[in-house]
């Protein structure tokens, strides 16, 4: 099989603002159809990195290529492959959603039937069709955010770049935005997603890069990142009966690191516990334990971030 070339490749990106180093050797790639998350606290270098990637900010060093083309501030054709959704709203409040979309569509050299079709499609995707002709200064914060995303999608880019798209919105609107991103992901769009919300990265991203102080500290799938710091899944079996005997039997399962008895339960630590769960239950029951409930807790990215940076994500 032919090897698929990455849609985005950036390497050794560097940017300094006077004495402050904002981006210090950032590099990663995004494959076609992949959602890649840049996870880090405010001020970590996320927005500066993507501003360079989108050709909006001149870099001090490094290279960016999108769809095989080099990207810099003058690369108009290369930048056409990117849809950028900034953290700050980029809409005109005295225009309606439809008027905003038509304006930005014309900036992308769209016109006629294609422009009409894309405006209608984006209004549908963002759930704004019923309010399409209302002035956007009457919109809620969540509606404005959804329109902001729609503008970035209008010209059907190969790479969609979302810079903290849920900042400052209510929970309902936030969930609507995440569902829209999931729909785009399912449709095969490549997405670069920056966030300082751990749960968003875990929900949306195929691979995640943890960035802090302008550097990528680690990257990989959620499971790979957790594995880097030796975190194991934990299974709690609430049970009665000969729990010590059951725990000893459980320690014999390949992939189980340990099994200990607590008050009214057995605590099992294991690699990829969900795949072992049927065997764990069978072995414990076979040893005489009567199980009343099972709880599986998988380690999260918060533990990884704390291990790598020595601080919590929201610090």
C-alpha atoms as a PDB file:
ATOM      1  CA  UNK A   1       0.000   0.000   0.000  1.00  0.00           C
ATOM      2  CA  UNK A   2       1.170   3.509  -0.812  1.00  0.00           C
ATOM      3  CA  UNK A   3       2.175   5.571   2.184  1.00  0.00           C
ATOM      4  CA  UNK A   4      -0.166   8.490   2.883  1.00  0.00           C
ATOM      5  CA  UNK A   5       1.632  11.815   3.039  1.00  0.00           C
ATOM      6  CA  UNK A   6       0.801  14.109   5.982  1.00  0.00           C
ATOM      7  CA  UNK A   7      -1.477  17.021   5.137  1.00  0.00           C
ATOM      8  CA  UNK A   8       0.394  19.335   7.508  1.00  0.00           C
ATOM      9  CA  UNK A   9       4.064  19.165   8.408  1.00  0.00           C
ATOM     10  CA  UNK A  10       5.694  21.781  10.598  1.00  0.00           C
ATOM     11  CA  UNK A  11       9.198  21.503  11.964  1.00  0.00           C
ATOM     12  CA  UNK A  12      11.404  23.451  14.372  1.00  0.00           C
ATOM     13  CA  UNK A  13       9.101  26.485  14.507  1.00  0.00           C
ATOM     14  CA  UNK A  14      10.590  29.386  16.442  1.00  0.00           C
ATOM     15  CA  UNK A  15       9.307  32.808  17.421  1.00  0.00           C
ATOM     16  CA  UNK A  16      10.627  35.389  19.844  1.00  0.00           C
ATOM     17  CA  UNK A  17       8.975  38.617  20.982  1.00  0.00           C
ATOM     18  CA  UNK A  18      11.837  40.764  22.276  1.00  0.00           C
ATOM     19  CA  UNK A  19      13.182  38.852  25.285  1.00  0.00           C
ATOM     20  CA  UNK A  20      10.349  36.326  25.426  1.00  0.00           C
ATOM     21  CA  UNK A  21      10.636  33.045  23.513  1.00  0.00           C
ATOM     22  CA  UNK A  22       7.038  32.205  22.550  1.00  0.00           C
ATOM     23  CA  UNK A  23       7.699  29.185  20.315  1.00  0.00           C
ATOM     24  CA  UNK A  24      10.818  27.108  20.815  1.00  0.00           C
ATOM     25  CA  UNK A  25      11.307  24.326  18.261  1.00  0.00           C
ATOM     26  CA  UNK A  26       7.678  23.227  17.824  1.00  0.00           C
ATOM     27  CA  UNK A  27       7.170  20.438  15.287  1.00  0.00           C
ATOM     28  CA  UNK A  28       4.432  17.914  14.478  1.00  0.00           C
ATOM     29  CA  UNK A  29       2.389  16.570  11.578  1.00  0.00           C
ATOM     30  CA  UNK A  30      -1.286  15.942  10.831  1.00  0.00           C
ATOM     31  CA  UNK A  31      -2.425  13.140   8.539  1.00  0.00           C
ATOM     32  CA  UNK A  32      -5.446  13.410   6.189  1.00  0.00           C
ATOM     33  CA  UNK A  33      -8.628  12.959   8.202  1.00  0.00           C
ATOM     34  CA  UNK A  34      -6.844  13.258  11.548  1.00  0.00           C
ATOM     35  CA  UNK A  35      -7.732  15.548  14.452  1.00  0.00           C
ATOM     36  CA  UNK A  36      -4.614  16.723  16.252  1.00  0.00           C
ATOM     37  CA  UNK A  37      -4.892  18.562  19.548  1.00  0.00           C
ATOM     38  CA  UNK A  38      -2.465  21.101  20.976  1.00  0.00           C
ATOM     39  CA  UNK A  39      -3.127  20.913  24.687  1.00  0.00           C
ATOM     40  CA  UNK A  40      -1.654  23.470  27.032  1.00  0.00           C
ATOM     41  CA  UNK A  41      -2.411  26.303  29.454  1.00  0.00           C
ATOM     42  CA  UNK A  42      -2.927  29.912  28.422  1.00  0.00           C
ATOM     43  CA  UNK A  43       0.394  31.406  27.340  1.00  0.00           C
ATOM     44  CA  UNK A  44       1.896  28.033  26.376  1.00  0.00           C
ATOM     45  CA  UNK A  45       2.505  29.034  22.741  1.00  0.00           C
ATOM     46  CA  UNK A  46      -0.580  27.489  21.125  1.00  0.00           C
ATOM     47  CA  UNK A  47      -1.938  30.597  19.407  1.00  0.00           C
ATOM     48  CA  UNK A  48       1.496  31.798  18.285  1.00  0.00           C
ATOM     49  CA  UNK A  49       2.239  28.369  16.790  1.00  0.00           C
ATOM     50  CA  UNK A  50      -0.975  28.216  14.800  1.00  0.00           C
ATOM     51  CA  UNK A  51      -0.610  31.832  13.659  1.00  0.00           C
ATOM     52  CA  UNK A  52       2.704  30.774  12.122  1.00  0.00           C
ATOM     53  CA  UNK A  53       1.176  27.619  10.642  1.00  0.00           C
ATOM     54  CA  UNK A  54      -1.628  29.639   9.030  1.00  0.00           C
ATOM     55  CA  UNK A  55       0.834  32.119   7.536  1.00  0.00           C
ATOM     56  CA  UNK A  56      -0.440  35.021   9.640  1.00  0.00           C
ATOM     57  CA  UNK A  57       2.727  35.569  11.642  1.00  0.00           C
ATOM     58  CA  UNK A  58       6.270  35.623  10.336  1.00  0.00           C
ATOM     59  CA  UNK A  59       8.416  32.977  11.998  1.00  0.00           C
ATOM     60  CA  UNK A  60      12.008  33.334  13.115  1.00  0.00           C
ATOM     61  CA  UNK A  61      12.841  29.791  12.035  1.00  0.00           C
ATOM     62  CA  UNK A  62      11.430  26.473  10.936  1.00  0.00           C
ATOM     63  CA  UNK A  63       9.226  25.271   8.090  1.00  0.00           C
ATOM     64  CA  UNK A  64       5.499  24.736   7.436  1.00  0.00           C
ATOM     65  CA  UNK A  65       3.985  22.745   4.564  1.00  0.00           C
ATOM     66  CA  UNK A  66       0.280  22.189   3.944  1.00  0.00           C
ATOM     67  CA  UNK A  67      -0.879  19.828   1.192  1.00  0.00           C
ATOM     68  CA  UNK A  68       2.684  19.770  -0.117  1.00  0.00           C
ATOM     69  CA  UNK A  69       3.030  23.554  -0.347  1.00  0.00           C
ATOM     70  CA  UNK A  70       5.255  25.791   1.732  1.00  0.00           C
ATOM     71  CA  UNK A  71       3.320  28.253   3.895  1.00  0.00           C
ATOM     72  CA  UNK A  72       4.503  31.726   4.873  1.00  0.00           C
ATOM     73  CA  UNK A  73       2.884  35.141   5.126  1.00  0.00           C
ATOM     74  CA  UNK A  74       3.024  35.687   1.328  1.00  0.00           C
ATOM     75  CA  UNK A  75       1.906  32.193   0.225  1.00  0.00           C
ATOM     76  CA  UNK A  76      -1.660  33.027  -0.864  1.00  0.00           C
ATOM     77  CA  UNK A  77      -2.358  29.791  -2.763  1.00  0.00           C
ATOM     78  CA  UNK A  78      -0.968  27.579  -0.003  1.00  0.00           C
ATOM     79  CA  UNK A  79      -3.036  29.385   2.620  1.00  0.00           C
ATOM     80  CA  UNK A  80      -6.202  28.697   0.595  1.00  0.00           C
ATOM     81  CA  UNK A  81      -6.005  25.092   1.826  1.00  0.00           C
ATOM     82  CA  UNK A  82      -6.454  26.287   5.428  1.00  0.00           C
ATOM     83  CA  UNK A  83      -9.595  27.357   7.236  1.00  0.00           C
ATOM     84  CA  UNK A  84      -8.635  29.382  10.321  1.00  0.00           C
ATOM     85  CA  UNK A  85     -11.058  29.991  13.182  1.00  0.00           C
ATOM     86  CA  UNK A  86      -9.430  32.482  15.578  1.00  0.00           C
ATOM     87  CA  UNK A  87      -9.968  32.624  19.305  1.00  0.00           C
ATOM     88  CA  UNK A  88     -11.316  36.171  18.983  1.00  0.00           C
ATOM     89  CA  UNK A  89     -14.557  36.501  17.018  1.00  0.00           C
ATOM     90  CA  UNK A  90     -13.997  37.559  13.411  1.00  0.00           C
ATOM     91  CA  UNK A  91     -17.509  38.559  12.385  1.00  0.00           C
ATOM     92  CA  UNK A  92     -19.244  41.849  11.594  1.00  0.00           C
ATOM     93  CA  UNK A  93     -21.890  42.522  14.278  1.00  0.00           C
ATOM     94  CA  UNK A  94     -24.015  44.808  12.090  1.00  0.00           C
ATOM     95  CA  UNK A  95     -24.398  42.112   9.405  1.00  0.00           C
ATOM     96  CA  UNK A  96     -26.551  38.993   9.479  1.00  0.00           C
ATOM     97  CA  UNK A  97     -25.042  35.519   9.463  1.00  0.00           C
ATOM     98  CA  UNK A  98     -25.885  35.164   5.779  1.00  0.00           C
ATOM     99  CA  UNK A  99     -24.309  38.521   4.958  1.00  0.00           C
ATOM    100  CA  UNK A 100     -21.173  37.643   6.937  1.00  0.00           C
ATOM    101  CA  UNK A 101     -20.840  34.341   5.113  1.00  0.00           C
ATOM    102  CA  UNK A 102     -21.369  35.917   1.689  1.00  0.00           C
ATOM    103  CA  UNK A 103     -18.799  38.611   2.454  1.00  0.00           C
ATOM    104  CA  UNK A 104     -16.118  36.150   3.567  1.00  0.00           C
ATOM    105  CA  UNK A 105     -17.014  33.798   0.721  1.00  0.00           C
ATOM    106  CA  UNK A 106     -16.310  36.546  -1.807  1.00  0.00           C
ATOM    107  CA  UNK A 107     -12.952  37.155  -0.141  1.00  0.00           C
ATOM    108  CA  UNK A 108     -12.269  33.477  -0.937  1.00  0.00           C
ATOM    109  CA  UNK A 109     -13.151  34.193  -4.611  1.00  0.00           C
ATOM    110  CA  UNK A 110     -16.455  32.359  -4.410  1.00  0.00           C
ATOM    111  CA  UNK A 111     -19.506  33.545  -6.318  1.00  0.00           C
ATOM    112  CA  UNK A 112     -22.768  32.510  -7.944  1.00  0.00           C
ATOM    113  CA  UNK A 113     -24.351  29.135  -7.309  1.00  0.00           C
ATOM    114  CA  UNK A 114     -21.322  27.752  -5.456  1.00  0.00           C
ATOM    115  CA  UNK A 115     -21.377  30.611  -2.962  1.00  0.00           C
ATOM    116  CA  UNK A 116     -25.126  30.189  -2.421  1.00  0.00           C
ATOM    117  CA  UNK A 117     -24.717  26.428  -1.906  1.00  0.00           C
ATOM    118  CA  UNK A 118     -21.871  26.808   0.563  1.00  0.00           C
ATOM    119  CA  UNK A 119     -23.647  29.507   2.578  1.00  0.00           C
ATOM    120  CA  UNK A 120     -26.728  27.283   2.880  1.00  0.00           C
ATOM    121  CA  UNK A 121     -24.614  24.251   3.838  1.00  0.00           C
ATOM    122  CA  UNK A 122     -22.693  26.146   6.513  1.00  0.00           C
ATOM    123  CA  UNK A 123     -25.860  27.654   7.990  1.00  0.00           C
ATOM    124  CA  UNK A 124     -27.272  24.138   8.261  1.00  0.00           C
ATOM    125  CA  UNK A 125     -24.117  22.693   9.803  1.00  0.00           C
ATOM    126  CA  UNK A 126     -23.900  25.447  12.420  1.00  0.00           C
ATOM    127  CA  UNK A 127     -27.621  25.323  13.224  1.00  0.00           C
ATOM    128  CA  UNK A 128     -28.154  28.961  12.245  1.00  0.00           C
ATOM    129  CA  UNK A 129     -30.561  28.591   9.328  1.00  0.00           C
ATOM    130  CA  UNK A 130     -33.543  29.894  11.318  1.00  0.00           C
ATOM    131  CA  UNK A 131     -31.586  32.993  12.394  1.00  0.00           C
ATOM    132  CA  UNK A 132     -29.639  33.459   9.165  1.00  0.00           C
ATOM    133  CA  UNK A 133     -31.040  36.916   8.409  1.00  0.00           C
ATOM    134  CA  UNK A 134     -30.833  38.358  11.932  1.00  0.00           C
ATOM    135  CA  UNK A 135     -28.054  40.784  12.834  1.00  0.00           C
ATOM    136  CA  UNK A 136     -25.287  38.945  14.628  1.00  0.00           C
ATOM    137  CA  UNK A 137     -25.093  41.503  17.429  1.00  0.00           C
ATOM    138  CA  UNK A 138     -28.392  39.939  18.574  1.00  0.00           C
ATOM    139  CA  UNK A 139     -26.809  36.467  18.727  1.00  0.00           C
ATOM    140  CA  UNK A 140     -25.773  34.659  21.893  1.00  0.00           C
ATOM    141  CA  UNK A 141     -22.087  34.028  22.491  1.00  0.00           C
ATOM    142  CA  UNK A 142     -22.472  30.412  21.415  1.00  0.00           C
ATOM    143  CA  UNK A 143     -24.194  31.359  18.153  1.00  0.00           C
ATOM    144  CA  UNK A 144     -21.412  33.810  17.351  1.00  0.00           C
ATOM    145  CA  UNK A 145     -18.839  31.085  18.001  1.00  0.00           C
ATOM    146  CA  UNK A 146     -20.673  28.714  15.665  1.00  0.00           C
ATOM    147  CA  UNK A 147     -20.771  31.365  12.943  1.00  0.00           C
ATOM    148  CA  UNK A 148     -17.062  31.962  13.489  1.00  0.00           C
ATOM    149  CA  UNK A 149     -16.444  28.268  12.772  1.00  0.00           C
ATOM    150  CA  UNK A 150     -18.755  28.366   9.761  1.00  0.00           C
ATOM    151  CA  UNK A 151     -16.755  31.177   8.166  1.00  0.00           C
ATOM    152  CA  UNK A 152     -13.615  29.046   8.446  1.00  0.00           C
ATOM    153  CA  UNK A 153     -15.397  26.141   6.747  1.00  0.00           C
ATOM    154  CA  UNK A 154     -16.982  28.117   3.958  1.00  0.00           C
ATOM    155  CA  UNK A 155     -14.369  27.488   1.263  1.00  0.00           C
ATOM    156  CA  UNK A 156     -14.083  23.767   2.135  1.00  0.00           C
ATOM    157  CA  UNK A 157     -10.476  23.839   3.350  1.00  0.00           C
ATOM    158  CA  UNK A 158      -8.343  20.722   3.585  1.00  0.00           C
ATOM    159  CA  UNK A 159      -7.164  21.719   7.068  1.00  0.00           C
ATOM    160  CA  UNK A 160      -9.419  23.396   9.641  1.00  0.00           C
ATOM    161  CA  UNK A 161      -7.575  25.206  12.439  1.00  0.00           C
ATOM    162  CA  UNK A 162      -9.626  25.862  15.576  1.00  0.00           C
ATOM    163  CA  UNK A 163      -8.030  28.057  18.240  1.00  0.00           C
ATOM    164  CA  UNK A 164      -9.855  27.435  21.537  1.00  0.00           C
ATOM    165  CA  UNK A 165     -13.309  27.640  19.890  1.00  0.00           C
ATOM    166  CA  UNK A 166     -15.314  27.075  23.099  1.00  0.00           C
ATOM    167  CA  UNK A 167     -13.799  29.813  25.259  1.00  0.00           C
ATOM    168  CA  UNK A 168     -16.444  31.845  27.061  1.00  0.00           C
ATOM    169  CA  UNK A 169     -19.553  29.973  25.884  1.00  0.00           C
ATOM    170  CA  UNK A 170     -22.313  28.341  27.922  1.00  0.00           C
ATOM    171  CA  UNK A 171     -22.330  24.541  28.370  1.00  0.00           C
ATOM    172  CA  UNK A 172     -25.126  23.962  25.841  1.00  0.00           C
ATOM    173  CA  UNK A 173     -23.396  25.971  23.113  1.00  0.00           C
ATOM    174  CA  UNK A 174     -20.087  24.347  23.978  1.00  0.00           C
ATOM    175  CA  UNK A 175     -21.569  20.904  23.465  1.00  0.00           C
ATOM    176  CA  UNK A 176     -23.095  22.007  20.149  1.00  0.00           C
ATOM    177  CA  UNK A 177     -19.663  23.186  18.974  1.00  0.00           C
ATOM    178  CA  UNK A 178     -18.018  19.921  20.020  1.00  0.00           C
ATOM    179  CA  UNK A 179     -20.711  17.934  18.205  1.00  0.00           C
ATOM    180  CA  UNK A 180     -20.104  20.007  15.061  1.00  0.00           C
ATOM    181  CA  UNK A 181     -16.369  19.272  15.267  1.00  0.00           C
ATOM    182  CA  UNK A 182     -17.122  15.566  15.728  1.00  0.00           C
ATOM    183  CA  UNK A 183     -19.305  15.664  12.610  1.00  0.00           C
ATOM    184  CA  UNK A 184     -16.499  17.277  10.603  1.00  0.00           C
ATOM    185  CA  UNK A 185     -14.047  14.697  11.938  1.00  0.00           C
ATOM    186  CA  UNK A 186     -16.391  11.853  10.946  1.00  0.00           C
ATOM    187  CA  UNK A 187     -16.580  13.382   7.473  1.00  0.00           C
ATOM    188  CA  UNK A 188     -12.803  13.053   7.074  1.00  0.00           C
ATOM    189  CA  UNK A 189     -11.645  16.640   7.576  1.00  0.00           C
ATOM    190  CA  UNK A 190      -8.179  17.241   8.993  1.00  0.00           C
ATOM    191  CA  UNK A 191      -8.382  19.414  12.103  1.00  0.00           C
ATOM    192  CA  UNK A 192      -5.838  21.200  14.280  1.00  0.00           C
ATOM    193  CA  UNK A 193      -7.538  21.911  17.604  1.00  0.00           C
ATOM    194  CA  UNK A 194      -6.006  23.984  20.382  1.00  0.00           C
ATOM    195  CA  UNK A 195      -7.492  23.925  23.857  1.00  0.00           C
ATOM    196  CA  UNK A 196      -6.727  24.142  27.545  1.00  0.00           C
ATOM    197  CA  UNK A 197      -9.724  21.942  28.349  1.00  0.00           C
ATOM    198  CA  UNK A 198      -8.535  18.402  29.022  1.00  0.00           C
ATOM    199  CA  UNK A 199     -11.909  16.800  28.351  1.00  0.00           C
ATOM    200  CA  UNK A 200     -12.152  18.379  24.895  1.00  0.00           C
ATOM    201  CA  UNK A 201      -8.801  16.947  23.840  1.00  0.00           C
ATOM    202  CA  UNK A 202      -9.771  13.506  25.136  1.00  0.00           C
ATOM    203  CA  UNK A 203     -13.136  13.614  23.358  1.00  0.00           C
ATOM    204  CA  UNK A 204     -12.076  14.960  19.970  1.00  0.00           C
ATOM    205  CA  UNK A 205      -8.447  14.237  19.196  1.00  0.00           C
ATOM    206  CA  UNK A 206      -6.799  11.228  17.551  1.00  0.00           C
ATOM    207  CA  UNK A 207      -3.371  12.433  18.701  1.00  0.00           C
ATOM    208  CA  UNK A 208      -2.400  15.111  21.180  1.00  0.00           C
ATOM    209  CA  UNK A 209       0.666  17.282  21.591  1.00  0.00           C
ATOM    210  CA  UNK A 210       1.228  18.674  25.078  1.00  0.00           C
ATOM    211  CA  UNK A 211       2.755  22.127  24.812  1.00  0.00           C
ATOM    212  CA  UNK A 212       4.124  24.352  27.568  1.00  0.00           C
ATOM    213  CA  UNK A 213       6.480  27.317  27.523  1.00  0.00           C
ATOM    214  CA  UNK A 214       6.706  27.145  23.734  1.00  0.00           C
ATOM    215  CA  UNK A 215       7.816  23.504  23.536  1.00  0.00           C
ATOM    216  CA  UNK A 216       6.094  20.238  22.647  1.00  0.00           C
ATOM    217  CA  UNK A 217       6.803  18.110  25.712  1.00  0.00           C
ATOM    218  CA  UNK A 218       5.194  14.909  24.440  1.00  0.00           C
ATOM    219  CA  UNK A 219       2.766  13.717  21.789  1.00  0.00           C
ATOM    220  CA  UNK A 220       0.794  10.621  20.895  1.00  0.00           C
ATOM    221  CA  UNK A 221      -2.586   9.016  21.341  1.00  0.00           C
ATOM    222  CA  UNK A 222      -4.243   9.279  24.718  1.00  0.00           C
ATOM    223  CA  UNK A 223      -3.169   5.747  25.553  1.00  0.00           C
ATOM    224  CA  UNK A 224       0.415   6.394  24.403  1.00  0.00           C
ATOM    225  CA  UNK A 225       0.675   9.549  26.498  1.00  0.00           C
ATOM    226  CA  UNK A 226      -0.665   7.818  29.564  1.00  0.00           C
ATOM    227  CA  UNK A 227       1.795   4.967  28.978  1.00  0.00           C
ATOM    228  CA  UNK A 228       4.712   7.405  28.990  1.00  0.00           C
ATOM    229  CA  UNK A 229       4.229   8.053  32.690  1.00  0.00           C
ATOM    230  CA  UNK A 230       3.407   4.482  33.623  1.00  0.00           C
ATOM    231  CA  UNK A 231      -0.220   5.073  34.502  1.00  0.00           C
ATOM    232  CA  UNK A 232      -2.418   1.951  34.762  1.00  0.00           C
ATOM    233  CA  UNK A 233      -6.171   1.444  34.716  1.00  0.00           C
ATOM    234  CA  UNK A 234      -7.872   0.695  38.027  1.00  0.00           C
ATOM    235  CA  UNK A 235     -10.769  -1.756  38.458  1.00  0.00           C
ATOM    236  CA  UNK A 236     -12.769  -1.849  41.688  1.00  0.00           C
ATOM    237  CA  UNK A 237     -14.780  -5.022  42.278  1.00  0.00           C
ATOM    238  CA  UNK A 238     -17.302  -4.573  45.093  1.00  0.00           C
ATOM    239  CA  UNK A 239     -17.714  -8.128  46.339  1.00  0.00           C
ATOM    240  CA  UNK A 240     -18.189 -10.545  49.197  1.00  0.00           C
ATOM    241  CA  UNK A 241     -16.681 -13.951  49.863  1.00  0.00           C
ATOM    242  CA  UNK A 242     -13.052 -15.095  49.975  1.00  0.00           C
ATOM    243  CA  UNK A 243     -11.625 -11.833  48.616  1.00  0.00           C
ATOM    244  CA  UNK A 244      -7.983 -12.633  49.457  1.00  0.00           C
ATOM    245  CA  UNK A 245      -8.188 -15.872  47.479  1.00  0.00           C
ATOM    246  CA  UNK A 246      -9.854 -14.051  44.575  1.00  0.00           C
ATOM    247  CA  UNK A 247      -7.182 -11.319  44.616  1.00  0.00           C
ATOM    248  CA  UNK A 248      -4.431 -13.948  44.471  1.00  0.00           C
ATOM    249  CA  UNK A 249      -6.122 -15.578  41.477  1.00  0.00           C
ATOM    250  CA  UNK A 250      -6.477 -12.211  39.727  1.00  0.00           C
ATOM    251  CA  UNK A 251      -2.758 -11.524  40.065  1.00  0.00           C
ATOM    252  CA  UNK A 252      -2.178 -14.507  37.803  1.00  0.00           C
ATOM    253  CA  UNK A 253      -3.903 -12.885  34.816  1.00  0.00           C
ATOM    254  CA  UNK A 254      -1.518 -11.624  32.156  1.00  0.00           C
ATOM    255  CA  UNK A 255      -1.805  -7.817  32.030  1.00  0.00           C
ATOM    256  CA  UNK A 256      -2.844  -7.451  35.677  1.00  0.00           C
ATOM    257  CA  UNK A 257      -0.164  -5.583  37.612  1.00  0.00           C
ATOM    258  CA  UNK A 258      -1.626  -6.099  41.077  1.00  0.00           C
ATOM    259  CA  UNK A 259      -4.779  -6.997  42.983  1.00  0.00           C
ATOM    260  CA  UNK A 260      -5.314  -6.011  46.611  1.00  0.00           C
ATOM    261  CA  UNK A 261      -8.147  -6.420  49.074  1.00  0.00           C
ATOM    262  CA  UNK A 262      -9.865  -3.361  50.527  1.00  0.00           C
ATOM    263  CA  UNK A 263     -12.931  -3.202  52.760  1.00  0.00           C
ATOM    264  CA  UNK A 264     -15.666  -4.995  50.792  1.00  0.00           C
ATOM    265  CA  UNK A 265     -13.801  -4.815  47.495  1.00  0.00           C
ATOM    266  CA  UNK A 266     -10.834  -5.897  45.393  1.00  0.00           C
ATOM    267  CA  UNK A 267      -8.676  -3.192  43.777  1.00  0.00           C
ATOM    268  CA  UNK A 268      -7.102  -4.343  40.512  1.00  0.00           C
ATOM    269  CA  UNK A 269      -4.513  -2.349  38.512  1.00  0.00           C
ATOM    270  CA  UNK A 270      -4.051  -3.434  34.924  1.00  0.00           C
ATOM    271  CA  UNK A 271      -3.054  -2.442  31.421  1.00  0.00           C
ATOM    272  CA  UNK A 272      -6.080  -1.741  29.150  1.00  0.00           C
ATOM    273  CA  UNK A 273      -8.492  -2.980  31.819  1.00  0.00           C
ATOM    274  CA  UNK A 274     -11.595  -2.916  29.634  1.00  0.00           C
ATOM    275  CA  UNK A 275     -10.245  -5.674  27.405  1.00  0.00           C
ATOM    276  CA  UNK A 276      -9.408  -7.760  30.476  1.00  0.00           C
ATOM    277  CA  UNK A 277     -12.691  -7.092  32.274  1.00  0.00           C
ATOM    278  CA  UNK A 278     -14.555 -10.291  31.239  1.00  0.00           C
ATOM    279  CA  UNK A 279     -11.575 -12.391  32.355  1.00  0.00           C
ATOM    280  CA  UNK A 280     -11.226 -10.461  35.623  1.00  0.00           C
ATOM    281  CA  UNK A 281     -14.881 -11.037  36.490  1.00  0.00           C
ATOM    282  CA  UNK A 282     -14.721 -14.716  35.490  1.00  0.00           C
ATOM    283  CA  UNK A 283     -11.583 -15.424  37.525  1.00  0.00           C
ATOM    284  CA  UNK A 284     -12.862 -13.568  40.619  1.00  0.00           C
ATOM    285  CA  UNK A 285     -16.195 -15.417  40.475  1.00  0.00           C
ATOM    286  CA  UNK A 286     -14.390 -18.710  39.916  1.00  0.00           C
ATOM    287  CA  UNK A 287     -12.425 -18.104  43.108  1.00  0.00           C
ATOM    288  CA  UNK A 288     -15.673 -17.772  45.061  1.00  0.00           C
ATOM    289  CA  UNK A 289     -16.205 -13.985  45.106  1.00  0.00           C
ATOM    290  CA  UNK A 290     -19.767 -12.700  44.692  1.00  0.00           C
ATOM    291  CA  UNK A 291     -19.502  -9.442  42.721  1.00  0.00           C
ATOM    292  CA  UNK A 292     -22.168  -6.771  43.176  1.00  0.00           C
ATOM    293  CA  UNK A 293     -20.621  -3.952  41.125  1.00  0.00           C
ATOM    294  CA  UNK A 294     -17.654  -3.130  38.895  1.00  0.00           C
ATOM    295  CA  UNK A 295     -16.026   0.274  38.353  1.00  0.00           C
ATOM    296  CA  UNK A 296     -13.261   0.988  35.827  1.00  0.00           C
ATOM    297  CA  UNK A 297     -11.206   4.194  36.135  1.00  0.00           C
ATOM    298  CA  UNK A 298      -8.786   4.965  33.319  1.00  0.00           C
ATOM    299  CA  UNK A 299      -5.948   7.452  33.897  1.00  0.00           C
ATOM    300  CA  UNK A 300      -6.473  10.792  32.189  1.00  0.00           C
ATOM    301  CA  UNK A 301      -4.339  13.414  30.526  1.00  0.00           C
ATOM    302  CA  UNK A 302      -4.386  15.564  33.657  1.00  0.00           C
ATOM    303  CA  UNK A 303      -2.007  13.112  35.315  1.00  0.00           C
ATOM    304  CA  UNK A 304       0.243  13.175  32.241  1.00  0.00           C
ATOM    305  CA  UNK A 305       0.302  16.969  32.105  1.00  0.00           C
ATOM    306  CA  UNK A 306       1.053  17.245  35.803  1.00  0.00           C
ATOM    307  CA  UNK A 307       3.889  14.740  35.446  1.00  0.00           C
ATOM    308  CA  UNK A 308       5.452  16.546  32.461  1.00  0.00           C
ATOM    309  CA  UNK A 309       5.074  20.144  33.616  1.00  0.00           C
ATOM    310  CA  UNK A 310       4.792  19.943  37.383  1.00  0.00           C
ATOM    311  CA  UNK A 311       1.579  22.002  37.294  1.00  0.00           C
ATOM    312  CA  UNK A 312      -2.113  21.598  36.577  1.00  0.00           C
ATOM    313  CA  UNK A 313      -3.426  22.489  33.124  1.00  0.00           C
ATOM    314  CA  UNK A 314      -5.452  25.498  34.303  1.00  0.00           C
ATOM    315  CA  UNK A 315      -2.523  27.093  36.209  1.00  0.00           C
END
